[in-house]
Amino acid sequence: MSEGEGKSTQATAPALDSKSESTASPPSAGQGVSSVSPPVSTVTQGPPAAATEDEEEESEDESEILEESPCGRWQKRREEVNQRNVPGIDSAYLAMDTEEGVEVVWNEVMFSERKNFKLQEEKVKAVFDNLIQLEHLNIVKFHKYWADVKENRARVIFITEYMSSGSLKQFLKKTKKNHKTMNEKAWKRWCTQILSALSYLHSCDPPIIHGNLTCDTIFIQHNGLIKIGSVAPDTINNHVKTCREEQKSLHFFAPEYGAVADVTTAVDIYSFGMCALEMAVLEIQSNGESSYVSQEAISSAIQSLEDTLQREFIQKCLEVDPAKRPTARELLFHQALFEVPLLKLLAAHCIVSHQHMIPENALEEMTKNMDPNLVIVESRAVQLKLSQFPALELDKFLEDVRNGIYPLTAFGMPCPQQPQQEAVKSPIVPPSVKTPTPEPAELETRKVLQMQCNIEPVDEGAKHHLTLLLKLEDKLNRHLSCDLLPNENVQELAVELVQLGFISEGDQVRLASVLEEAFSKFYSRNGSLNPVTVSS
């Protein structure tokens, strides 16, 4: 798998994560897992000339909607995103998320025969359901999947986050072309972000193995945020029509990969070590036109590193014996990377984690009337003044921390919550059936500051129209509008709203009380059919 190169587009919307939509058990620990990254589109600027009729027609053709997901949320366009060595993916297209209003990637995998898919259906479903739950700032988001089974063929379609920026490989090539060297701080920051993502995957129970980590499957955004391509199950690679290997990426795979039945997370550490080496030297010389990278070239690249700690760090990752390779967590504490977090970084993470309690412009408001020469920190002979920490710079730093560019690796790493195992219906949905996209039961934690409930009669009292307006503690408003039957139980309604993530469990009793009061007033005045409003 590597970067894809799409056709030029007129505009690119930023990719946003949507919520998970399914739960299932994780893949087995011994299962090799391959990566599938959303392709990268190259946006080109043409000369400032008027578009010809042919160009306009071509643009219209590319934006034409070819197909919709069963739920109607995802719309596949004609514009195909080309890929080079993405294992198992037959085609990938730009698509639109009609709920979020952003572009995504519509990936298709064709099974050669329907019976091949039927044999793997449950395995594919279980793993894909688990992958939808992965939430990490440094992992490309996997949004949704479904199966399309016809009489003579089977197709699995899955939606991934659209990465409009380039791959790490492209960035390294540009850097070398400009005769520049890799900045040590940037190298450390990138390694930390990649290891943070790997540590997250490997901390699953059982661990999730990425299995296809290369500089082509790592993406770098314009703000410096690193994302590794989302992962997909081994079944995709083994039972599809299209699955090719390219020599240019073979050196990223651990020696034991393919030689043993059950690989471990150590294969990802080997691949990471090769990525870290390529990031440090910008390019590992291949063997002429074949693109094959020899062991001699790898050894030569390692020896060219001047930093002893950096060299030792990479050599540990590239140990032939997988048992001798360190874990992603251990590498985060290696001397080549680890630094004691600054108080500034700890404070920034504290602010970001309590963002709902702190206004966006809090720093500016707090400092605008203060004396720039005010000494805010004094230690021995060192004095730090307010003017040395401009509010704009601090806001930019907070934004970087919020985006995941400076993860706190010295503390507990985020771990995905393991889903409860339960029977899940088959993912095969007839394409002609459209149903609303189900949302997960994600519990709300924010408290409600104000509640307002309004009830109006509908159809001459046969139904009631309920309107709920909530003001949350982070100053955001929440609105619910629906029709209810006269025999609705307000206690059950309050419980259901907690389960759907509309209110927190702590506000359940309060909401039930407001609903009870509103319905009581409404029924006492039912003869007049006038609306009732209750606030709390």
Protein backbone atom coordinates (compact mmCIF):
# COMPACT_ATOMS: atom_id res chain seq x y z
CA MET A 1 0.00 0.00 0.00
CA SER A 2 1.25 3.49 -0.72
CA GLU A 3 0.15 6.90 -1.61
CA GLY A 4 -2.27 7.30 -4.45
CA GLU A 5 -2.20 10.11 -6.90
CA GLY A 6 -5.60 11.40 -7.88
CA LYS A 7 -6.68 13.71 -10.62
CA SER A 8 -6.66 17.41 -9.89
CA THR A 9 -9.69 18.78 -8.08
CA GLN A 10 -11.16 22.25 -7.90
CA ALA A 11 -11.47 22.29 -4.13
CA THR A 12 -10.64 19.97 -1.27
CA ALA A 13 -12.67 19.87 1.90
CA PRO A 14 -10.87 18.92 5.14
CA ALA A 15 -11.51 15.36 6.25
CA LEU A 16 -13.39 15.02 9.51
CA ASP A 17 -13.96 11.92 11.61
CA SER A 18 -17.49 10.72 11.93
CA LYS A 19 -18.62 8.66 14.86
CA SER A 20 -18.33 4.91 15.00
CA GLU A 21 -21.33 3.01 13.77
CA SER A 22 -20.73 -0.60 14.80
CA THR A 23 -19.22 -2.68 17.56
CA ALA A 24 -17.67 -6.13 17.44
CA SER A 25 -14.83 -8.17 18.86
CA PRO A 26 -11.21 -7.38 17.86
CA PRO A 27 -9.22 -9.54 15.46
CA SER A 28 -7.19 -12.43 16.79
CA ALA A 29 -3.74 -11.71 18.11
CA GLY A 30 -1.93 -13.86 15.59
CA GLN A 31 -3.70 -12.42 12.62
CA GLY A 32 -1.59 -10.43 10.18
CA VAL A 33 -3.30 -7.19 9.36
CA SER A 34 -2.56 -5.12 6.29
CA SER A 35 -2.96 -1.44 5.88
CA VAL A 36 -5.22 0.36 3.47
CA SER A 37 -4.60 4.07 3.22
CA PRO A 38 -6.84 6.58 1.56
CA PRO A 39 -5.17 7.84 -1.59
CA VAL A 40 -3.73 11.30 -1.93
CA SER A 41 -5.00 13.80 -4.42
CA THR A 42 -2.68 16.26 -6.11
CA VAL A 43 -4.27 19.66 -6.57
CA THR A 44 -2.82 21.52 -9.53
CA GLN A 45 -3.20 25.15 -10.51
CA GLY A 46 -3.88 25.83 -14.15
CA PRO A 47 -3.18 29.06 -16.04
CA PRO A 48 -5.64 31.89 -15.28
CA ALA A 49 -7.56 31.34 -18.50
CA ALA A 50 -11.28 30.88 -19.02
CA ALA A 51 -12.36 27.25 -18.80
CA THR A 52 -13.27 25.72 -22.13
CA GLU A 53 -16.51 23.83 -22.68
CA ASP A 54 -14.57 20.55 -22.76
CA GLU A 55 -12.97 21.29 -19.39
CA GLU A 56 -16.32 22.17 -17.88
CA GLU A 57 -17.84 18.96 -19.23
CA GLU A 58 -14.92 16.94 -17.85
CA SER A 59 -15.32 18.59 -14.45
CA GLU A 60 -19.03 17.79 -14.47
CA ASP A 61 -18.28 14.18 -15.42
CA GLU A 62 -15.84 13.81 -12.52
CA SER A 63 -18.34 15.14 -9.98
CA GLU A 64 -21.14 12.93 -11.32
CA ILE A 65 -22.57 10.66 -8.64
CA LEU A 66 -22.27 7.01 -9.69
CA GLU A 67 -23.55 5.22 -6.62
CA GLU A 68 -24.80 5.74 -3.07
CA SER A 69 -24.29 3.78 0.11
CA PRO A 70 -27.30 1.80 1.37
CA CYS A 71 -27.96 4.49 4.00
CA GLY A 72 -27.64 7.30 1.44
CA ARG A 73 -24.91 9.10 3.39
CA TRP A 74 -21.93 8.36 1.13
CA GLN A 75 -22.03 9.33 -2.57
CA LYS A 76 -19.44 7.84 -4.93
CA ARG A 77 -18.12 10.15 -7.66
CA ARG A 78 -16.70 9.30 -11.06
CA GLU A 79 -13.32 10.79 -10.14
CA GLU A 80 -11.07 7.83 -9.47
CA VAL A 81 -8.12 8.09 -7.10
CA ASN A 82 -5.23 6.12 -8.54
CA GLN A 83 -3.04 3.97 -6.32
CA ARG A 84 0.19 2.13 -6.91
CA ASN A 85 0.83 -0.67 -4.46
CA VAL A 86 -2.26 -0.67 -2.28
CA PRO A 87 -2.65 -4.40 -1.56
CA GLY A 88 -6.10 -5.79 -2.14
CA ILE A 89 -7.84 -2.61 -3.29
CA ASP A 90 -9.26 -2.85 -6.79
CA SER A 91 -10.34 0.77 -7.07
CA ALA A 92 -10.77 3.91 -5.03
CA TYR A 93 -12.95 6.92 -5.78
CA LEU A 94 -13.54 10.31 -4.26
CA ALA A 95 -16.88 10.42 -2.47
CA MET A 96 -18.94 12.91 -0.50
CA ASP A 97 -20.10 12.53 3.07
CA THR A 98 -23.49 14.23 2.81
CA GLU A 99 -23.91 14.47 6.59
CA GLU A 100 -20.57 16.14 7.36
CA GLY A 101 -20.18 17.87 3.98
CA VAL A 102 -16.61 16.62 3.45
CA GLU A 103 -14.82 14.48 0.89
CA VAL A 104 -13.94 10.88 1.74
CA VAL A 105 -12.48 7.90 -0.13
CA TRP A 106 -14.73 5.12 -1.42
CA ASN A 107 -12.61 1.92 -1.54
CA GLU A 108 -13.77 -1.22 -3.35
CA VAL A 109 -12.51 -4.78 -3.02
CA MET A 110 -13.74 -7.40 -5.49
CA PHE A 111 -13.86 -11.02 -4.40
CA SER A 112 -13.25 -13.32 -7.37
CA GLU A 113 -16.20 -15.55 -6.50
CA ARG A 114 -19.21 -15.19 -4.26
CA LYS A 115 -18.36 -18.41 -2.38
CA ASN A 116 -14.91 -16.99 -1.47
CA PHE A 117 -16.61 -14.09 0.28
CA LYS A 118 -19.17 -16.30 2.01
CA LEU A 119 -16.34 -18.32 3.57
CA GLN A 120 -14.78 -15.14 4.99
CA GLU A 121 -17.91 -13.10 5.69
CA GLU A 122 -18.01 -13.43 9.47
CA LYS A 123 -14.26 -12.85 9.81
CA VAL A 124 -14.37 -9.74 7.62
CA LYS A 125 -17.39 -8.42 9.50
CA ALA A 126 -15.86 -8.93 12.95
CA VAL A 127 -12.58 -7.21 12.08
CA PHE A 128 -14.12 -4.32 10.16
CA ASP A 129 -16.59 -3.63 12.97
CA ASN A 130 -13.65 -3.38 15.35
CA LEU A 131 -11.64 -1.10 13.04
CA ILE A 132 -14.50 1.39 12.87
CA GLN A 133 -14.03 1.95 16.61
CA LEU A 134 -10.37 3.00 16.38
CA GLU A 135 -10.00 6.63 17.41
CA HIS A 136 -6.51 8.14 17.36
CA LEU A 137 -5.29 11.47 16.05
CA ASN A 138 -2.38 9.79 14.26
CA ILE A 139 -4.42 7.08 12.48
CA VAL A 140 -6.42 7.70 9.31
CA LYS A 141 -10.08 7.29 10.23
CA PHE A 142 -12.03 4.27 9.03
CA HIS A 143 -15.67 5.44 8.77
CA LYS A 144 -17.97 2.72 7.46
CA TYR A 145 -18.16 -0.51 5.46
CA TRP A 146 -20.78 -2.71 3.83
CA ALA A 147 -20.97 -5.67 1.47
CA ASP A 148 -22.59 -5.85 -1.95
CA VAL A 149 -23.23 -9.46 -2.97
CA LYS A 150 -24.60 -10.34 -6.41
CA GLU A 151 -25.18 -13.73 -8.03
CA ASN A 152 -21.74 -14.07 -9.60
CA ARG A 153 -19.57 -11.72 -7.55
CA ALA A 154 -19.07 -10.14 -4.15
CA ARG A 155 -17.80 -6.67 -3.33
CA VAL A 156 -16.77 -5.07 -0.03
CA ILE A 157 -16.90 -1.27 0.08
CA PHE A 158 -15.40 0.79 2.87
CA ILE A 159 -15.13 4.52 3.48
CA THR A 160 -11.93 6.09 4.80
CA GLU A 161 -10.79 9.58 5.69
CA TYR A 162 -9.60 11.58 2.68
CA MET A 163 -6.00 12.75 2.99
CA SER A 164 -5.56 15.75 0.72
CA SER A 165 -1.95 16.22 1.82
CA GLY A 166 0.97 14.17 0.54
CA SER A 167 2.68 11.08 1.85
CA LEU A 168 5.84 11.15 3.92
CA LYS A 169 7.70 9.62 0.97
CA GLN A 170 6.74 12.57 -1.24
CA PHE A 171 7.86 15.04 1.43
CA LEU A 172 11.25 13.33 1.83
CA LYS A 173 11.80 13.39 -1.95
CA LYS A 174 11.07 17.12 -2.10
CA THR A 175 13.40 17.77 0.84
CA LYS A 176 16.25 15.86 -0.83
CA LYS A 177 15.61 17.56 -4.18
CA ASN A 178 16.08 20.93 -2.47
CA HIS A 179 19.43 19.69 -1.08
CA LYS A 180 18.26 19.97 2.50
CA THR A 181 18.87 17.66 5.45
CA MET A 182 16.36 16.34 7.95
CA ASN A 183 15.84 18.48 11.03
CA GLU A 184 16.48 16.44 14.19
CA LYS A 185 13.51 17.93 16.05
CA ALA A 186 11.18 17.12 13.16
CA TRP A 187 12.52 13.56 13.04
CA LYS A 188 11.86 13.11 16.77
CA ARG A 189 8.38 14.61 16.51
CA TRP A 190 7.42 12.35 13.58
CA CYS A 191 8.81 9.22 15.24
CA THR A 192 6.91 10.03 18.44
CA GLN A 193 3.62 10.44 16.58
CA ILE A 194 4.05 7.19 14.60
CA LEU A 195 4.99 5.25 17.74
CA SER A 196 2.05 6.77 19.59
CA ALA A 197 -0.29 5.34 16.91
CA LEU A 198 1.45 1.94 16.92
CA SER A 199 1.36 1.75 20.72
CA TYR A 200 -2.39 2.44 20.53
CA LEU A 201 -2.95 -0.38 18.01
CA HIS A 202 -0.69 -2.83 19.86
CA SER A 203 -2.42 -2.09 23.20
CA CYS A 204 -5.69 -3.59 21.95
CA ASP A 205 -6.62 -6.93 23.44
CA PRO A 206 -5.71 -8.86 21.36
CA PRO A 207 -3.23 -6.52 19.61
CA ILE A 208 -3.96 -5.12 16.15
CA ILE A 209 -1.04 -5.49 13.75
CA HIS A 210 -0.74 -2.84 11.06
CA GLY A 211 1.41 -5.01 8.80
CA ASN A 212 2.04 -2.55 5.96
CA LEU A 213 3.84 0.45 7.43
CA THR A 214 6.01 2.28 4.88
CA CYS A 215 6.80 5.91 4.11
CA ASP A 216 4.13 5.65 1.40
CA THR A 217 1.46 4.71 3.94
CA ILE A 218 2.31 7.54 6.34
CA PHE A 219 0.80 10.96 5.59
CA ILE A 220 1.95 14.37 6.72
CA GLN A 221 -0.46 17.27 6.95
CA HIS A 222 0.40 20.91 6.46
CA ASN A 223 0.46 21.58 10.21
CA GLY A 224 3.02 18.79 10.78
CA LEU A 225 0.51 16.20 12.00
CA ILE A 226 1.46 12.64 11.04
CA LYS A 227 -1.21 10.02 10.24
CA ILE A 228 -0.58 6.37 9.46
CA GLY A 229 -2.88 4.63 6.99
CA SER A 230 -5.88 2.86 8.46
CA VAL A 231 -5.69 -0.90 8.77
CA ALA A 232 -7.75 -3.63 7.12
CA PRO A 233 -7.95 -7.39 7.68
CA ASP A 234 -5.64 -10.02 6.29
CA THR A 235 -8.63 -11.64 4.58
CA ILE A 236 -8.78 -8.76 2.12
CA ASN A 237 -5.27 -9.45 0.86
CA ASN A 238 -5.63 -13.21 0.62
CA HIS A 239 -8.98 -13.57 -1.13
CA VAL A 240 -9.26 -10.81 -3.69
CA LYS A 241 -8.68 -10.51 -7.42
CA THR A 242 -5.97 -7.85 -7.15
CA CYS A 243 -3.04 -8.13 -4.76
CA ARG A 244 0.42 -7.19 -6.00
CA GLU A 245 3.75 -6.76 -4.27
CA GLU A 246 6.28 -4.21 -5.43
CA GLN A 247 10.00 -4.61 -4.85
CA LYS A 248 10.47 -1.00 -3.84
CA SER A 249 8.66 -1.65 -0.54
CA LEU A 250 9.96 -5.13 0.28
CA HIS A 251 12.71 -3.81 2.57
CA PHE A 252 10.04 -2.40 4.93
CA PHE A 253 8.79 -5.90 5.75
CA ALA A 254 10.37 -7.89 8.58
CA PRO A 255 12.36 -11.03 7.65
CA GLU A 256 9.78 -13.29 9.35
CA TYR A 257 6.83 -11.75 7.48
CA GLY A 258 5.40 -14.45 5.22
CA ALA A 259 7.79 -17.08 6.60
CA VAL A 260 5.74 -17.88 9.71
CA ALA A 261 2.01 -18.40 10.09
CA ASP A 262 1.52 -16.12 13.08
CA VAL A 263 3.39 -12.83 13.02
CA THR A 264 3.48 -10.51 16.04
CA THR A 265 3.51 -6.76 16.61
CA ALA A 266 7.30 -6.95 16.13
CA VAL A 267 6.75 -6.80 12.34
CA ASP A 268 5.43 -3.25 12.79
CA ILE A 269 8.50 -2.30 14.83
CA TYR A 270 10.80 -3.50 12.02
CA SER A 271 8.79 -1.49 9.46
CA PHE A 272 8.89 1.55 11.74
CA GLY A 273 12.67 1.23 12.07
CA MET A 274 13.00 1.31 8.28
CA CYS A 275 10.73 4.37 8.13
CA ALA A 276 12.81 6.08 10.84
CA LEU A 277 15.98 5.35 8.84
CA GLU A 278 14.48 6.70 5.63
CA MET A 279 13.29 9.82 7.47
CA ALA A 280 16.80 10.39 8.82
CA VAL A 281 18.71 9.93 5.53
CA LEU A 282 15.83 11.08 3.23
CA GLU A 283 16.34 8.14 0.85
CA ILE A 284 17.85 4.66 0.98
CA GLN A 285 19.60 4.00 -2.33
CA SER A 286 17.98 1.25 -4.38
CA ASN A 287 19.67 -1.17 -6.74
CA GLY A 288 19.39 0.63 -10.08
CA GLU A 289 16.23 0.27 -12.13
CA SER A 290 14.83 -2.67 -10.14
CA SER A 291 13.99 -0.41 -7.15
CA TYR A 292 15.18 -3.25 -4.89
CA VAL A 293 16.88 -2.02 -1.69
CA SER A 294 19.69 -4.38 -0.64
CA GLN A 295 20.85 -5.14 2.89
CA GLU A 296 24.17 -3.49 2.03
CA ALA A 297 22.37 -0.25 1.17
CA ILE A 298 20.49 -0.38 4.47
CA SER A 299 23.69 -0.98 6.47
CA SER A 300 25.43 1.84 4.61
CA ALA A 301 22.56 4.23 5.41
CA ILE A 302 22.70 3.31 9.10
CA GLN A 303 26.46 3.86 9.27
CA SER A 304 26.07 7.28 7.65
CA LEU A 305 24.12 8.54 10.68
CA GLU A 306 26.27 10.81 12.83
CA ASP A 307 24.12 10.63 15.97
CA THR A 308 25.09 7.52 17.95
CA LEU A 309 21.77 7.37 19.83
CA GLN A 310 19.82 7.64 16.59
CA ARG A 311 21.87 4.85 15.03
CA GLU A 312 21.37 2.58 18.06
CA PHE A 313 17.64 3.37 18.11
CA ILE A 314 17.18 2.25 14.49
CA GLN A 315 19.39 -0.83 14.89
CA LYS A 316 17.22 -2.02 17.80
CA CYS A 317 14.13 -1.80 15.59
CA LEU A 318 15.83 -3.73 12.77
CA GLU A 319 16.92 -6.74 14.85
CA VAL A 320 16.53 -9.95 12.80
CA ASP A 321 15.17 -11.81 15.83
CA PRO A 322 11.67 -10.36 16.48
CA ALA A 323 11.94 -11.25 20.18
CA LYS A 324 14.85 -8.79 20.54
CA ARG A 325 12.96 -5.83 19.08
CA PRO A 326 11.58 -3.39 21.65
CA THR A 327 7.88 -2.54 21.86
CA ALA A 328 6.47 0.76 20.60
CA ARG A 329 5.97 1.83 24.22
CA GLU A 330 9.61 1.07 25.09
CA LEU A 331 10.86 2.98 22.04
CA LEU A 332 8.97 6.09 23.17
CA PHE A 333 11.23 6.08 26.24
CA HIS A 334 14.47 5.54 24.31
CA GLN A 335 17.11 8.23 24.85
CA ALA A 336 17.00 9.17 21.18
CA LEU A 337 13.38 10.34 21.54
CA PHE A 338 12.35 10.80 25.14
CA GLU A 339 12.44 14.19 26.78
CA VAL A 340 10.95 15.09 30.15
CA PRO A 341 7.76 16.99 29.27
CA LEU A 342 8.03 20.72 29.82
CA LEU A 343 5.62 22.34 32.27
CA LYS A 344 4.33 24.28 29.24
CA LEU A 345 3.36 21.02 27.48
CA LEU A 346 1.72 19.57 30.61
CA ALA A 347 -0.27 22.78 31.09
CA ALA A 348 -1.34 22.76 27.43
CA HIS A 349 -2.60 19.17 27.67
CA CYS A 350 -4.48 20.07 30.86
CA ILE A 351 -6.17 23.01 29.09
CA VAL A 352 -7.05 20.90 26.04
CA SER A 353 -8.50 18.09 28.15
CA HIS A 354 -10.74 20.63 29.97
CA GLN A 355 -11.49 22.66 26.88
CA HIS A 356 -15.24 22.79 27.58
CA MET A 357 -14.53 24.76 30.78
CA ILE A 358 -12.16 27.32 29.24
CA PRO A 359 -13.26 29.88 26.61
CA GLU A 360 -11.40 29.88 23.27
CA ASN A 361 -9.90 33.35 23.74
CA ALA A 362 -9.12 32.88 27.44
CA LEU A 363 -5.38 33.54 27.03
CA GLU A 364 -5.93 36.75 25.10
CA GLU A 365 -8.53 38.00 27.58
CA MET A 366 -6.30 37.23 30.57
CA THR A 367 -3.19 38.89 29.19
CA LYS A 368 -4.45 41.89 27.19
CA ASN A 369 -4.56 44.25 30.20
CA MET A 370 -1.40 42.94 31.86
CA ASP A 371 1.97 44.68 31.85
CA PRO A 372 4.24 43.08 29.17
CA ASN A 373 7.22 43.52 31.54
CA LEU A 374 5.53 41.58 34.31
CA VAL A 375 7.80 38.80 35.63
CA ILE A 376 5.74 35.59 35.61
CA VAL A 377 8.51 33.08 36.43
CA GLU A 378 11.65 33.63 38.47
CA SER A 379 14.21 30.95 39.32
CA ARG A 380 17.65 31.83 40.65
CA ALA A 381 19.15 34.22 38.10
CA VAL A 382 16.50 33.54 35.43
CA GLN A 383 13.49 35.79 34.90
CA LEU A 384 10.76 35.18 32.35
CA LYS A 385 8.52 38.09 31.41
CA LEU A 386 5.03 38.07 29.95
CA SER A 387 6.30 39.65 26.70
CA GLN A 388 8.35 36.49 26.03
CA PHE A 389 5.14 34.48 25.62
CA PRO A 390 2.88 36.20 23.06
CA ALA A 391 -0.75 35.07 23.25
CA LEU A 392 -0.81 34.22 19.54
CA GLU A 393 2.17 31.86 19.89
CA LEU A 394 0.57 30.17 22.89
CA ASP A 395 -2.71 29.79 20.98
CA LYS A 396 -0.81 28.17 18.09
CA PHE A 397 0.92 25.81 20.54
CA LEU A 398 -2.44 24.88 22.09
CA GLU A 399 -3.83 24.18 18.61
CA ASP A 400 -0.87 21.88 17.82
CA VAL A 401 -1.37 19.99 21.09
CA ARG A 402 -5.10 19.70 20.35
CA ASN A 403 -4.30 18.27 16.89
CA GLY A 404 -2.02 15.57 18.32
CA ILE A 405 1.36 16.94 17.20
CA TYR A 406 2.78 16.77 20.76
CA PRO A 407 1.37 13.59 22.39
CA LEU A 408 2.13 13.01 26.07
CA THR A 409 4.09 9.79 25.70
CA ALA A 410 5.51 9.81 29.24
CA PHE A 411 2.11 9.02 30.68
CA GLY A 412 -0.54 6.39 30.06
CA MET A 413 -1.14 5.93 26.33
CA PRO A 414 -4.74 6.11 25.11
CA CYS A 415 -6.19 2.62 24.63
CA PRO A 416 -9.24 1.76 22.58
CA GLN A 417 -12.19 0.55 24.62
CA GLN A 418 -12.82 -3.09 23.92
CA PRO A 419 -16.35 -3.70 22.67
CA GLN A 420 -18.65 -6.19 24.32
CA GLN A 421 -19.04 -9.31 22.24
CA GLU A 422 -22.56 -9.63 20.98
CA ALA A 423 -24.35 -11.08 17.99
CA VAL A 424 -24.21 -8.69 15.05
CA LYS A 425 -26.40 -9.03 11.99
CA SER A 426 -24.83 -9.70 8.61
CA PRO A 427 -23.34 -6.53 7.05
CA ILE A 428 -24.88 -7.45 3.68
CA VAL A 429 -27.51 -4.86 2.89
CA PRO A 430 -29.48 -4.75 -0.37
CA PRO A 431 -28.30 -1.62 -2.23
CA SER A 432 -31.87 -0.56 -2.96
CA VAL A 433 -32.82 -0.28 0.73
CA LYS A 434 -32.13 3.07 2.36
CA THR A 435 -32.23 3.40 6.10
CA PRO A 436 -30.95 6.18 8.37
CA THR A 437 -27.33 5.80 9.43
CA PRO A 438 -27.38 4.39 12.99
CA GLU A 439 -25.41 6.34 15.58
CA PRO A 440 -23.48 4.66 18.43
CA ALA A 441 -24.49 4.75 22.06
CA GLU A 442 -21.80 7.26 23.05
CA LEU A 443 -22.56 8.57 26.53
CA GLU A 444 -22.74 12.31 27.09
CA THR A 445 -20.66 13.70 29.96
CA ARG A 446 -21.39 17.43 29.76
CA LYS A 447 -23.91 18.78 32.24
CA VAL A 448 -26.97 20.76 31.27
CA LEU A 449 -27.17 24.33 32.61
CA GLN A 450 -30.67 25.15 31.34
CA MET A 451 -33.60 23.08 30.06
CA GLN A 452 -36.70 24.19 28.21
CA CYS A 453 -39.51 21.83 27.25
CA ASN A 454 -42.37 22.75 24.92
CA ILE A 455 -45.40 20.55 24.09
CA GLU A 456 -47.90 21.33 21.36
CA PRO A 457 -50.95 19.35 20.16
CA VAL A 458 -50.73 17.76 16.68
CA ASP A 459 -53.62 16.35 14.58
CA GLU A 460 -56.21 17.74 16.97
CA GLY A 461 -54.61 16.12 19.98
CA ALA A 462 -54.00 12.67 18.44
CA LYS A 463 -50.23 13.28 18.85
CA HIS A 464 -48.05 15.72 20.74
CA HIS A 465 -45.06 17.59 19.34
CA LEU A 466 -42.19 17.76 21.86
CA THR A 467 -39.41 20.35 21.60
CA LEU A 468 -36.43 20.22 23.99
CA LEU A 469 -33.83 23.00 24.17
CA LEU A 470 -30.73 22.39 26.30
CA LYS A 471 -27.83 24.71 27.13
CA LEU A 472 -24.72 22.68 28.02
CA GLU A 473 -21.88 23.71 30.31
CA ASP A 474 -19.57 24.37 27.34
CA LYS A 475 -22.07 27.02 26.11
CA LEU A 476 -23.28 24.83 23.24
CA ASN A 477 -27.01 24.36 22.64
CA ARG A 478 -28.76 21.09 21.88
CA HIS A 479 -32.16 20.81 20.23
CA LEU A 480 -34.58 17.88 19.96
CA SER A 481 -37.88 17.93 18.12
CA CYS A 482 -40.18 14.91 17.73
CA ASP A 483 -43.78 13.68 17.80
CA LEU A 484 -45.03 11.58 20.73
CA LEU A 485 -48.11 9.50 21.32
CA PRO A 486 -50.33 10.38 24.32
CA ASN A 487 -49.35 7.21 26.20
CA GLU A 488 -45.56 7.85 26.18
CA ASN A 489 -43.76 7.15 29.48
CA VAL A 490 -41.57 10.14 30.41
CA GLN A 491 -39.25 8.03 32.60
CA GLU A 492 -38.52 5.66 29.73
CA LEU A 493 -38.04 8.64 27.39
CA ALA A 494 -35.43 10.16 29.75
CA VAL A 495 -33.58 6.82 29.96
CA GLU A 496 -33.59 6.50 26.16
CA LEU A 497 -32.16 10.02 25.74
CA VAL A 498 -29.28 9.07 28.05
CA GLN A 499 -28.61 5.91 26.04
CA LEU A 500 -28.60 7.90 22.79
CA GLY A 501 -26.06 10.35 24.21
CA PHE A 502 -28.46 13.32 24.22
CA ILE A 503 -27.99 14.07 27.95
CA SER A 504 -25.69 12.83 30.69
CA GLU A 505 -26.84 10.25 33.21
CA GLY A 506 -26.60 12.89 35.93
CA ASP A 507 -29.32 14.95 34.23
CA GLN A 508 -31.71 12.04 33.70
CA VAL A 509 -33.82 12.64 36.85
CA ARG A 510 -33.95 16.38 36.21
CA LEU A 511 -35.12 15.92 32.61
CA ALA A 512 -37.72 13.37 33.65
CA SER A 513 -39.03 15.88 36.20
CA VAL A 514 -39.26 18.65 33.57
CA LEU A 515 -41.07 16.32 31.15
CA GLU A 516 -43.45 15.18 33.89
CA GLU A 517 -44.31 18.78 34.80
CA ALA A 518 -44.80 19.75 31.15
CA PHE A 519 -47.09 16.80 30.40
CA SER A 520 -49.02 17.36 33.63
CA LYS A 521 -49.70 21.00 32.72
CA PHE A 522 -50.54 20.05 29.15
CA TYR A 523 -53.14 17.44 30.13
CA SER A 524 -54.70 19.76 32.72
CA ARG A 525 -55.28 22.29 29.92
CA ASN A 526 -55.91 19.76 27.15
CA GLY A 527 -59.36 21.06 26.44
CA SER A 528 -57.93 24.35 25.15
CA LEU A 529 -55.23 22.62 22.99
CA ASN A 530 -52.74 25.34 23.86
CA PRO A 531 -48.97 24.78 23.90
CA VAL A 532 -47.18 24.38 27.24
CA THR A 533 -43.61 25.50 28.02
CA VAL A 534 -41.65 24.51 31.14
CA SER A 535 -38.11 25.72 31.97
CA SER A 536 -35.59 24.51 34.53
